[in-house]
Protein backbone atom coordinates (compact mmCIF):
# COMPACT_ATOMS: atom_id res chain seq x y z
CA UNK A 1 -63.82 3.94 -36.87
CA UNK A 2 -60.81 5.78 -34.77
CA UNK A 3 -57.08 3.87 -35.22
CA UNK A 4 -55.83 2.52 -32.33
CA UNK A 5 -52.58 5.12 -30.88
CA UNK A 6 -49.83 3.07 -29.10
CA UNK A 7 -49.00 5.09 -25.68
CA UNK A 8 -46.54 8.04 -26.15
CA UNK A 9 -43.57 7.00 -24.41
CA UNK A 10 -42.03 8.53 -21.50
CA UNK A 11 -38.73 8.89 -21.28
CA UNK A 12 -37.43 9.52 -16.94
CA UNK A 13 -35.11 11.40 -16.01
CA UNK A 14 -32.74 10.44 -13.72
CA UNK A 15 -32.85 10.97 -10.30
CA UNK A 16 -30.32 13.90 -9.62
CA UNK A 17 -28.63 12.11 -6.77
CA UNK A 18 -28.09 8.92 -8.91
CA UNK A 19 -26.77 11.15 -11.66
CA UNK A 20 -24.78 12.80 -8.78
CA UNK A 21 -22.69 9.67 -8.54
CA UNK A 22 -22.64 9.10 -12.00
CA UNK A 23 -20.54 12.17 -12.41
CA UNK A 24 -18.81 11.82 -8.96
CA UNK A 25 -17.49 8.66 -10.69
CA UNK A 26 -16.73 9.83 -13.99
CA UNK A 27 -14.87 12.64 -12.56
CA UNK A 28 -12.93 11.00 -10.73
CA UNK A 29 -12.19 8.40 -14.09
CA UNK A 30 -13.02 5.11 -13.15
CA UNK A 31 -15.21 2.11 -14.07
CA UNK A 32 -18.20 1.60 -12.36
CA UNK A 33 -15.83 -1.51 -11.07
CA UNK A 34 -12.40 0.48 -10.26
CA UNK A 35 -15.65 2.85 -8.19
CA UNK A 36 -15.93 -0.13 -6.12
CA UNK A 37 -12.38 -0.94 -5.95
CA UNK A 38 -11.60 2.48 -4.59
CA UNK A 39 -14.50 2.34 -1.79
CA UNK A 40 -13.54 -0.96 -0.91
CA UNK A 41 -10.11 0.16 -0.61
CA UNK A 42 -11.18 2.92 1.78
CA UNK A 43 -13.54 0.86 3.53
CA UNK A 44 -10.90 -2.17 4.40
CA UNK A 45 -14.08 -4.63 2.93
CA UNK A 46 -14.58 -6.41 0.03
CA UNK A 47 -17.91 -5.75 0.26
CA UNK A 48 -19.09 -3.13 -2.76
CA UNK A 49 -19.68 -4.69 -6.22
CA UNK A 50 -19.54 -3.01 -9.55
CA UNK A 51 -23.18 -4.06 -9.71
CA UNK A 52 -23.99 -2.19 -6.61
CA UNK A 53 -22.44 0.51 -8.07
CA UNK A 54 -24.69 0.04 -11.47
CA UNK A 55 -27.76 -0.17 -8.72
CA UNK A 56 -27.45 3.20 -7.00
CA UNK A 57 -26.54 5.33 -10.57
CA UNK A 58 -29.56 3.97 -12.07
CA UNK A 59 -31.51 4.77 -9.31
CA UNK A 60 -32.78 1.24 -7.83
CA UNK A 61 -31.15 1.60 -4.27
CA UNK A 62 -29.52 4.69 -2.65
CA UNK A 63 -26.52 3.75 -0.27
CA UNK A 64 -26.42 3.78 3.55
CA UNK A 65 -25.01 6.73 5.26
CA UNK A 66 -22.24 4.28 6.34
CA UNK A 67 -21.56 3.50 2.52
CA UNK A 68 -21.94 7.22 1.65
CA UNK A 69 -18.44 7.97 4.21
CA UNK A 70 -16.68 5.33 2.17
CA UNK A 71 -17.90 7.27 -1.14
CA UNK A 72 -17.26 10.53 -0.03
CA UNK A 73 -13.60 9.82 1.25
CA UNK A 74 -13.27 7.21 -2.15
CA UNK A 75 -14.36 10.61 -4.19
CA UNK A 76 -12.73 13.83 -2.80
CA UNK A 77 -15.88 15.00 -1.47
CA UNK A 78 -17.36 16.25 2.24
CA UNK A 79 -19.12 13.53 3.71
CA UNK A 80 -21.82 16.19 5.40
CA UNK A 81 -22.72 17.14 1.96
CA UNK A 82 -22.76 14.12 0.25
CA UNK A 83 -25.23 12.70 2.94
CA UNK A 84 -27.60 15.64 2.64
CA UNK A 85 -27.90 15.01 -0.97
CA UNK A 86 -28.73 10.99 -0.27
CA UNK A 87 -31.07 11.77 2.78
CA UNK A 88 -33.41 13.73 -0.45
CA UNK A 89 -32.96 11.08 -2.45
CA UNK A 90 -34.58 8.94 0.09
CA UNK A 91 -37.02 11.03 0.12
CA UNK A 92 -37.79 11.48 -3.68
CA UNK A 93 -37.46 7.37 -3.55
CA UNK A 94 -40.17 7.00 -0.77
CA UNK A 95 -42.39 9.40 -2.78
CA UNK A 96 -42.15 6.95 -5.60
CA UNK A 97 -40.54 9.49 -8.21
CA UNK A 98 -37.76 11.89 -8.45
CA UNK A 99 -38.18 15.39 -9.03
CA UNK A 100 -38.46 15.49 -12.49
CA UNK A 101 -38.54 19.45 -12.24
CA UNK A 102 -35.02 19.64 -10.89
CA UNK A 103 -32.37 22.01 -13.01
CA UNK A 104 -30.18 19.29 -13.88
CA UNK A 105 -27.25 21.43 -14.26
CA UNK A 106 -27.87 22.72 -10.57
CA UNK A 107 -26.25 19.22 -9.91
CA UNK A 108 -23.33 20.19 -11.90
CA UNK A 109 -22.68 23.23 -10.44
CA UNK A 110 -22.97 21.80 -6.51
CA UNK A 111 -19.70 22.05 -4.66
CA UNK A 112 -19.47 18.06 -4.64
CA UNK A 113 -18.93 18.35 -8.74
CA UNK A 114 -17.26 21.51 -8.11
CA UNK A 115 -13.73 20.95 -6.34
CA UNK A 116 -13.93 16.62 -6.58
CA UNK A 117 -11.37 15.07 -8.25
CA UNK A 118 -9.56 17.84 -9.98
CA UNK A 119 -6.97 16.23 -12.38
CA UNK A 120 -7.93 12.64 -11.27
CA UNK A 121 -8.16 11.30 -15.43
CA UNK A 122 -5.55 13.99 -16.58
CA UNK A 123 -2.91 11.07 -16.40
CA UNK A 124 -3.37 7.20 -17.65
CA UNK A 125 -1.12 5.75 -14.53
CA UNK A 126 -2.33 6.33 -10.77
CA UNK A 127 1.45 7.99 -10.14
CA UNK A 128 0.63 10.41 -12.73
CA UNK A 129 -2.94 11.40 -11.13
CA UNK A 130 -0.72 11.77 -7.88
CA UNK A 131 1.82 14.39 -8.89
CA UNK A 132 -1.14 16.42 -10.60
CA UNK A 133 -2.99 16.46 -7.60
CA UNK A 134 -0.09 17.77 -5.30
CA UNK A 135 -0.81 21.35 -5.99
CA UNK A 136 -4.25 21.70 -5.63
CA UNK A 137 -6.01 22.25 -2.37
CA UNK A 138 -9.37 22.86 -0.72
CA UNK A 139 -11.67 21.34 1.78
CA UNK A 140 -12.20 18.03 3.02
CA UNK A 141 -13.93 16.91 6.37
CA UNK A 142 -12.06 15.27 9.24
CA UNK A 143 -13.16 11.59 9.11
CA UNK A 144 -12.85 10.85 5.62
CA UNK A 145 -9.47 12.14 6.01
CA UNK A 146 -9.14 10.06 9.28
CA UNK A 147 -9.80 7.10 7.31
CA UNK A 148 -7.97 7.64 4.49
CA UNK A 149 -4.89 8.08 6.19
CA UNK A 150 -5.69 5.25 9.09
CA UNK A 151 -6.17 2.69 5.81
CA UNK A 152 -2.60 3.48 4.34
CA UNK A 153 -1.33 2.13 7.42
CA UNK A 154 -3.21 -0.85 7.36
CA UNK A 155 -2.18 -1.51 3.50
CA UNK A 156 1.61 -1.84 5.18
CA UNK A 157 0.68 -4.48 7.46
CA UNK A 158 -1.09 -6.33 4.92
CA UNK A 159 1.87 -6.58 3.14
CA UNK A 160 3.07 -9.14 5.26
CA UNK A 161 -0.16 -11.45 5.01
CA UNK A 162 -0.98 -10.69 0.63
CA UNK A 163 0.67 -11.77 -2.24
CA UNK A 164 1.81 -9.08 -4.73
CA UNK A 165 -0.81 -9.33 -7.15
CA UNK A 166 -3.35 -9.34 -5.24
CA UNK A 167 -2.01 -6.25 -3.07
CA UNK A 168 -1.55 -4.08 -6.17
CA UNK A 169 -4.64 -3.72 -6.65
CA UNK A 170 -5.93 -2.85 -3.43
CA UNK A 171 -2.66 -0.37 -2.90
CA UNK A 172 -3.75 1.67 -6.29
CA UNK A 173 -7.26 1.70 -5.74
CA UNK A 174 -6.36 3.80 -2.50
CA UNK A 175 -3.51 5.69 -3.67
CA UNK A 176 -6.48 7.01 -5.94
CA UNK A 177 -8.84 7.68 -3.23
CA UNK A 178 -6.23 10.17 -1.75
CA UNK A 179 -5.53 11.47 -5.00
CA UNK A 180 -9.24 12.29 -5.15
CA UNK A 181 -8.91 13.42 -1.84
CA UNK A 182 -5.85 15.98 -2.45
CA UNK A 183 -7.82 19.11 -3.73
CA UNK A 184 -9.97 19.20 -1.11
CA UNK A 185 -7.69 18.48 1.51
CA UNK A 186 -7.35 21.93 3.16
CA UNK A 187 -6.17 21.58 6.61
CA UNK A 188 -5.68 17.91 6.29
CA UNK A 189 -3.46 18.52 3.42
CA UNK A 190 0.13 17.82 5.01
CA UNK A 191 -1.21 14.15 6.68
CA UNK A 192 -3.32 13.54 3.22
CA UNK A 193 -0.36 14.17 1.03
CA UNK A 194 2.37 11.85 3.38
CA UNK A 195 -0.73 8.89 3.64
CA UNK A 196 -0.89 8.99 -0.58
CA UNK A 197 3.62 9.40 -0.38
CA UNK A 198 3.70 5.71 2.00
CA UNK A 199 0.67 4.52 -0.36
CA UNK A 200 2.44 5.05 -3.53
CA UNK A 201 5.61 3.66 -2.02
CA UNK A 202 4.37 0.70 -0.85
CA UNK A 203 2.46 0.50 -4.54
CA UNK A 204 6.47 0.92 -5.85
CA UNK A 205 7.62 -1.80 -3.74
CA UNK A 206 4.91 -4.04 -4.96
CA UNK A 207 5.93 -3.34 -8.55
CA UNK A 208 8.97 -4.14 -7.88
CA UNK A 209 8.46 -7.22 -6.53
CA UNK A 210 6.75 -7.97 -10.01
CA UNK A 211 9.21 -7.11 -12.25
CA UNK A 212 7.39 -3.84 -12.87
CA UNK A 213 10.50 -1.86 -12.73
CA UNK A 214 9.95 1.30 -14.75
CA UNK A 215 6.23 1.65 -12.56
CA UNK A 216 8.20 1.07 -9.40
CA UNK A 217 10.44 3.79 -9.79
CA UNK A 218 7.71 5.57 -10.93
CA UNK A 219 6.18 5.39 -7.70
CA UNK A 220 9.43 5.96 -5.70
CA UNK A 221 9.80 9.40 -7.41
CA UNK A 222 6.37 10.76 -6.62
CA UNK A 223 6.70 9.15 -2.76
CA UNK A 224 9.96 11.88 -2.91
CA UNK A 225 7.87 14.76 -4.55
CA UNK A 226 4.89 14.31 -1.55
CA UNK A 227 7.97 14.05 1.24
CA UNK A 228 8.62 17.73 -0.40
CA UNK A 229 5.30 18.68 -0.72
CA UNK A 230 4.88 18.23 2.98
CA UNK A 231 8.25 18.91 4.23
CA UNK A 232 8.76 15.06 5.43
CA UNK A 233 12.22 13.75 5.18
CA UNK A 234 11.58 10.36 6.60
CA UNK A 235 8.86 9.97 3.68
CA UNK A 236 11.89 10.19 1.18
CA UNK A 237 13.86 7.51 3.43
CA UNK A 238 11.24 5.09 2.65
CA UNK A 239 11.19 5.59 -0.80
CA UNK A 240 15.16 5.68 -0.75
CA UNK A 241 14.99 2.19 0.68
CA UNK A 242 12.62 0.42 -1.27
CA UNK A 243 14.62 1.88 -3.89
CA UNK A 244 18.03 0.54 -2.90
CA UNK A 245 16.66 -3.38 -3.28
CA UNK A 246 16.54 -2.51 -7.27
CA UNK A 247 19.25 -0.29 -7.29
CA UNK A 248 22.03 -1.15 -10.69
CA UNK A 249 25.32 -1.54 -8.41
CA UNK A 250 26.10 -1.98 -4.35
CA UNK A 251 27.98 1.44 -4.76
CA UNK A 252 24.24 3.12 -5.39
CA UNK A 253 22.49 0.65 -2.70
CA UNK A 254 24.51 2.05 -0.14
CA UNK A 255 24.61 5.90 -1.34
CA UNK A 256 20.13 5.13 -1.39
CA UNK A 257 20.39 3.38 2.36
CA UNK A 258 22.98 6.74 3.92
CA UNK A 259 20.81 9.27 2.48
CA UNK A 260 17.98 7.43 4.01
CA UNK A 261 20.08 7.39 7.53
CA UNK A 262 20.15 10.92 7.17
CA UNK A 263 16.19 11.58 6.35
CA UNK A 264 15.49 9.49 9.38
CA UNK A 265 17.27 11.17 12.16
CA UNK A 266 15.59 12.50 14.81
CA UNK A 267 13.02 12.18 17.36
CA UNK A 268 10.33 9.51 16.74
CA UNK A 269 12.01 8.13 14.04
CA UNK A 270 13.15 5.27 16.00
CA UNK A 271 11.81 2.25 14.19
CA UNK A 272 12.73 3.70 10.64
CA UNK A 273 16.39 4.32 11.57
CA UNK A 274 16.59 0.73 12.98
CA UNK A 275 15.57 -0.83 9.30
CA UNK A 276 17.16 1.62 6.94
CA UNK A 277 20.39 0.61 9.51
CA UNK A 278 19.30 -3.08 9.19
CA UNK A 279 19.25 -2.78 5.39
CA UNK A 280 22.18 -0.87 5.44
CA UNK A 281 24.22 -3.72 7.30
CA UNK A 282 23.03 -5.69 5.06
CA UNK A 283 23.55 -4.46 1.58
CA UNK A 284 27.86 -3.51 3.21
CA UNK A 285 28.30 -7.30 4.29
CA UNK A 286 26.92 -8.28 0.57
CA UNK A 287 29.79 -6.26 -0.91
CA UNK A 288 32.06 -7.64 1.51
CA UNK A 289 32.84 -4.82 4.32
CA UNK A 290 32.40 -6.73 7.74
CA UNK A 291 33.24 -3.96 9.56
CA UNK A 292 30.92 -1.76 8.19
CA UNK A 293 28.17 -4.28 8.24
CA UNK A 294 28.47 -5.23 11.68
CA UNK A 295 28.90 -1.82 12.58
CA UNK A 296 25.50 -0.15 11.04
CA UNK A 297 23.95 -3.37 12.59
CA UNK A 298 24.52 -2.75 16.43
CA UNK A 299 23.58 1.17 15.36
CA UNK A 300 20.32 -0.50 14.24
CA UNK A 301 19.58 -2.74 17.18
CA UNK A 302 20.87 0.34 19.22
CA UNK A 303 17.97 2.04 17.93
CA UNK A 304 15.79 -0.49 18.04
CA UNK A 305 15.49 -0.43 21.56
CA UNK A 306 13.87 2.94 21.58
CA UNK A 307 11.91 2.00 18.70
CA UNK A 308 8.15 1.77 18.76
CA UNK A 309 6.67 0.31 15.83
CA UNK A 310 2.94 0.71 16.42
CA UNK A 311 2.79 4.46 17.46
CA UNK A 312 5.79 5.89 15.04
CA UNK A 313 5.21 6.79 11.29
CA UNK A 314 2.08 4.13 9.51
CA UNK A 315 4.92 2.76 7.10
CA UNK A 316 7.52 1.01 9.74
CA UNK A 317 4.27 -0.85 11.41
CA UNK A 318 5.80 -3.77 9.45
CA UNK A 319 9.41 -3.49 11.23
CA UNK A 320 8.76 -5.66 14.07
CA UNK A 321 11.02 -7.77 16.18
CA UNK A 322 10.95 -10.70 13.56
CA UNK A 323 12.25 -8.40 10.58
CA UNK A 324 14.91 -7.47 12.71
CA UNK A 325 15.67 -10.92 13.46
CA UNK A 326 15.86 -11.51 9.49
CA UNK A 327 18.09 -8.48 9.40
CA UNK A 328 20.61 -10.03 11.67
CA UNK A 329 20.24 -13.39 9.98
CA UNK A 330 20.90 -11.92 6.79
CA UNK A 331 24.10 -10.22 7.86
CA UNK A 332 25.75 -13.34 10.28
CA UNK A 333 24.65 -15.51 7.31
CA UNK A 334 26.68 -13.81 4.55
CA UNK A 335 29.34 -12.91 6.91
CA UNK A 336 29.73 -16.36 7.77
CA UNK A 337 29.93 -15.15 11.55
CA UNK A 338 29.89 -17.20 15.08
CA UNK A 339 27.06 -15.01 16.19
CA UNK A 340 24.64 -16.70 13.70
CA UNK A 341 23.72 -19.50 15.69
CA UNK A 342 22.71 -17.99 18.38
CA UNK A 343 20.81 -15.51 16.43
CA UNK A 344 18.71 -18.67 14.54
CA UNK A 345 17.71 -19.87 18.05
CA UNK A 346 16.44 -16.51 19.28
CA UNK A 347 14.74 -16.48 15.78
CA UNK A 348 12.79 -19.57 16.14
CA UNK A 349 12.11 -18.87 19.69
CA UNK A 350 10.92 -15.81 18.90
CA UNK A 351 8.69 -17.16 15.71
CA UNK A 352 7.18 -19.91 18.34
CA UNK A 353 4.41 -22.62 17.16
CA UNK A 354 2.11 -20.07 15.39
CA UNK A 355 3.69 -18.40 12.65
CA UNK A 356 3.35 -14.59 12.95
CA UNK A 357 2.74 -11.96 10.24
CA UNK A 358 6.33 -11.56 9.02
CA UNK A 359 7.51 -15.27 10.11
CA UNK A 360 7.90 -15.84 6.17
CA UNK A 361 10.20 -13.07 5.79
CA UNK A 362 12.12 -14.39 8.74
CA UNK A 363 12.40 -18.75 7.85
CA UNK A 364 13.38 -17.50 4.62
CA UNK A 365 16.28 -15.12 6.05
CA UNK A 366 17.16 -17.83 8.36
CA UNK A 367 16.88 -20.76 5.99
CA UNK A 368 19.75 -18.39 3.89
CA UNK A 369 22.21 -17.99 6.49
CA UNK A 370 22.11 -21.23 7.45
CA UNK A 371 22.80 -22.34 4.34
CA UNK A 372 25.23 -19.87 3.33
CA UNK A 373 26.71 -20.33 6.69
CA UNK A 374 27.85 -24.20 6.20
CA UNK A 375 24.77 -25.76 8.52
CA UNK A 376 23.37 -27.18 5.15
CA UNK A 377 20.90 -30.14 7.44
CA UNK A 378 19.67 -27.55 9.26
CA UNK A 379 19.62 -24.88 6.63
CA UNK A 380 17.44 -27.52 4.49
CA UNK A 381 15.59 -28.43 7.21
CA UNK A 382 14.32 -24.73 7.80
CA UNK A 383 14.33 -24.20 3.72
CA UNK A 384 11.33 -26.84 3.50
CA UNK A 385 9.60 -24.82 6.58
CA UNK A 386 10.16 -21.71 4.49
CA UNK A 387 8.16 -23.13 1.34
CA UNK A 388 5.25 -24.63 2.75
CA UNK A 389 4.78 -20.93 4.71
CA UNK A 390 5.38 -18.94 2.02
CA UNK A 391 2.56 -21.02 -0.26
CA UNK A 392 -0.04 -20.47 2.80
CA UNK A 393 0.83 -17.00 3.67
CA UNK A 394 2.25 -15.61 0.68
CA UNK A 395 3.64 -11.84 0.76
CA UNK A 396 5.55 -9.58 -1.37
CA UNK A 397 8.91 -10.83 0.35
CA UNK A 398 8.89 -14.45 -0.80
CA UNK A 399 9.98 -14.64 -4.46
CA UNK A 400 12.59 -12.93 -3.62
CA UNK A 401 14.37 -15.08 -0.73
CA UNK A 402 12.99 -18.02 -2.33
CA UNK A 403 15.27 -17.42 -5.41
CA UNK A 404 18.03 -16.96 -2.61
CA UNK A 405 17.53 -20.04 -0.96
CA UNK A 406 17.41 -22.02 -4.10
CA UNK A 407 20.64 -21.24 -5.12
CA UNK A 408 22.73 -22.28 -1.99
CA UNK A 409 20.78 -25.49 -1.66
CA UNK A 410 23.00 -28.08 -2.42
CA UNK A 411 22.76 -30.80 -5.43
CA UNK A 412 20.85 -34.06 -3.57
CA UNK A 413 18.08 -31.32 -3.02
CA UNK A 414 17.02 -30.25 -6.65
CA UNK A 415 13.64 -31.22 -6.45
CA UNK A 416 13.09 -28.70 -3.41
CA UNK A 417 15.15 -26.09 -5.74
CA UNK A 418 12.95 -26.25 -8.81
CA UNK A 419 10.26 -25.70 -6.60
CA UNK A 420 11.36 -22.74 -5.04
CA UNK A 421 12.15 -21.33 -8.53
CA UNK A 422 8.86 -21.83 -9.38
CA UNK A 423 7.70 -20.29 -6.66
CA UNK A 424 9.64 -17.14 -7.45
CA UNK A 425 8.99 -16.75 -10.68
């Protein structure tokens, strides 16, 4: 009697394309969830999941060309080459099996792996990986570069609508995506380096808002490094102006802002100059320098008359007329100037019935200015509006304003003050 022999176990080799996607992720030093976040950061949508990444890497599914473009940008590889590999994978999948004969080492030798994400895992934190990548160079296709640059610009607008914690993950994922692309930047190296610096500066601002001050400083330093590498002084101005919020002394704040003002002189920087000068006016007012504050605010308003915040550097898109109103309110409120009333009326009229992007900031500065200026009843009324708006549309600047308002509220409004302090924490 012939004994039963179990069937021989067959070990299926992974498909070369699935293996390629796995290796690209590993080269970038990401988990499947982090890879999904990086792809979402490029696409601007939260549609990619860890499960879908797993399906790709196990050859259960092959990404569409639309998704391939986002994967290419997130991993810093040419779209056309990755698209070609995906096309071959779809053909194999239609046949029902992968090409088992293909030498897996050949996949490793392809240029996709040879230049992707060089040094991305060389440091534990995003700013360290970016610093490492700045010295590299190769090629990336134009659609991928444009997608990364445009996404960096969009994030500076999202700051007005997202809480710091929600924004942090998105910003850091996008910074990793740009970092992965920098080693292959080629002709796009300068533009991508600037976009990386803009993203790193925003990451620093969000980290500072969350109380992660050492992390914020590291991001600001690498932003300045990007500015030096790209030969783009306005980028350093961005880092310095953000840093001014956390500087230890009034003198340090004003020194940062004076240097920033020098970095944004010249054509094409009107919006940036208006913001920097407005911040200088704000800090001068806080230091009791009334003449210096009013002079800086006048210069800021003059610069803004020539500004186009939608067509200058990506990061100035948050410097809207509402933001300029808030700076003026802050200055006049701190100084107790008579111009406060007319400026407040203008700000309220500009806000209208629908609270626009940046409206929470204006309400916060308006409430603070009214309370400091002695119009307590109106200040309390606007403070309540701010509290409701900040809850409905949280953003990275809400906490600081909540703390300031709470400190100026009269004793009879302790319930509101407690609520705002809790919101700030």
